[in-house]
């Protein structure tokens, strides 16, 4: 990028919001180093930048979370790109406790949101122990699974309405936020931007969610929250494999008695709790809550019903085991990870594998992945596993974490490539593809699906300036 172009960007963003310092650029380098990093502070500045980029054929890569970057989706993949760092847009625009909705900008992190929601008696629906620097907005757009499947009704939850600057420079507010009237006028009339559908019969937020910054730049979202429990209790169970919990889990889904509900293998549990204790191969975590004047009664009946299901299905539910106490689990929920990020604390490096399936296939996929690890001479005791039911238990997120040090780099990369390919071939659904599996996912997808995606891209980002090289958008449509 030449000096004239840099000066043009500085005119509408301000000199202090633009940098081409090599030291700063190195922080944002991906396959290619960016030519410039900018920090806009409002939607209007982003619109100007997008229109300027279209005119000058300059790629833009939006980013809102700071490092470490394990997935690399928001790092430049082409030359001469400008990184748009949205982390300075960190306002919580509104908290509506009555409707259990928060409206936030991209720079809002989980710890910031948690503390502000707590003042209003609310809590966010959030993933398990996210990075301290993780953008809540980015997490919602990426469809990261939340630990409370009881409140997970749609794949898009907890995302509601958005304000999006498309690759054309056009701005659209989606869902109930589309109008009529300004946001302030809507608030005055009692609206809460809680319905994500629309405008009209069109749900454009579904195009943006999961697109990894290739369709539009989201400048704020509204998101679902839940009431803080007045009473809360955690129950634990241990097992040798995931199948030992299967009958219990399915019975529990049907009754919708638990809030938190997930499973961890011993390696992930050690990493999360930052300990070297010996744990059972698998731990099941159940969180139960009570609310309002009848909080004690609600908690009691829900816990008793869950214990009854445990007795019927031979699952021993306890508050504490010799090596693990429920208070340890409770302490890691509803907060972000301490620094360093827990996935990097165990061995120094981590590669992620994430996909969706049904719960009854989870044990088989885990055994399959461990089998590939043995073929690649990678230690099985360095593979973490996180099993998270979603959408009322109708499907399940599975995350494998490959913890490795520098000596294991070659075998870890081999496991990532071969393991993901094996999972894909056996029916794992990669709804959030990153890195080396991305091409294989789209090759396996229906050609009509890929064609439709490219047509959508051509409508909303016709010059392919938004995060080019990501997903199936390798070339200008």
Foldseek 3Di string as FASTA:
>chain_A
DDPVLQVVLCVLANPVFKDQDPVVQVQQADLHGERMEGEHQDLVSVLVVLQVCVVVVAFEFEDEFGDDDQFRLRHFPDYHHYYYYHLNNFDFPDADLVQQKTKTFFNHFLVNVQVVVVVSQWAAQDDFFAARRHGPVLCLLQLHFGQFQLPFADSSAFWFWWWWQWSNSDIAIAFPCRDDDHPVVCVVVPDDSGHQADDPNDRCSVLRRLPSFQTTDTGMTMGGIGGDFPDKAKKKFADQFLVLCVQLVVVCLVVSLFGGWKKKAPLVVCLLLVHDDDDHRMMIMTMGGAHDPCGVVSRVVSVVVSVVSCVVSVTDIDQDDPRGHVVSVVVRPSHHHDPPHSLCVPANDKHKDKFKAASVCVRVLLVLLVVLLVVLVHDPSQKIWMWHQHNSRPMIMIMIIRHHYPVCVVSSVVSVVVSNVVCVVVPTGCSNDGDPCLVVNVVPDDPVVLVVSLVSSCVRNQSSSTSAPPRSRPDRD
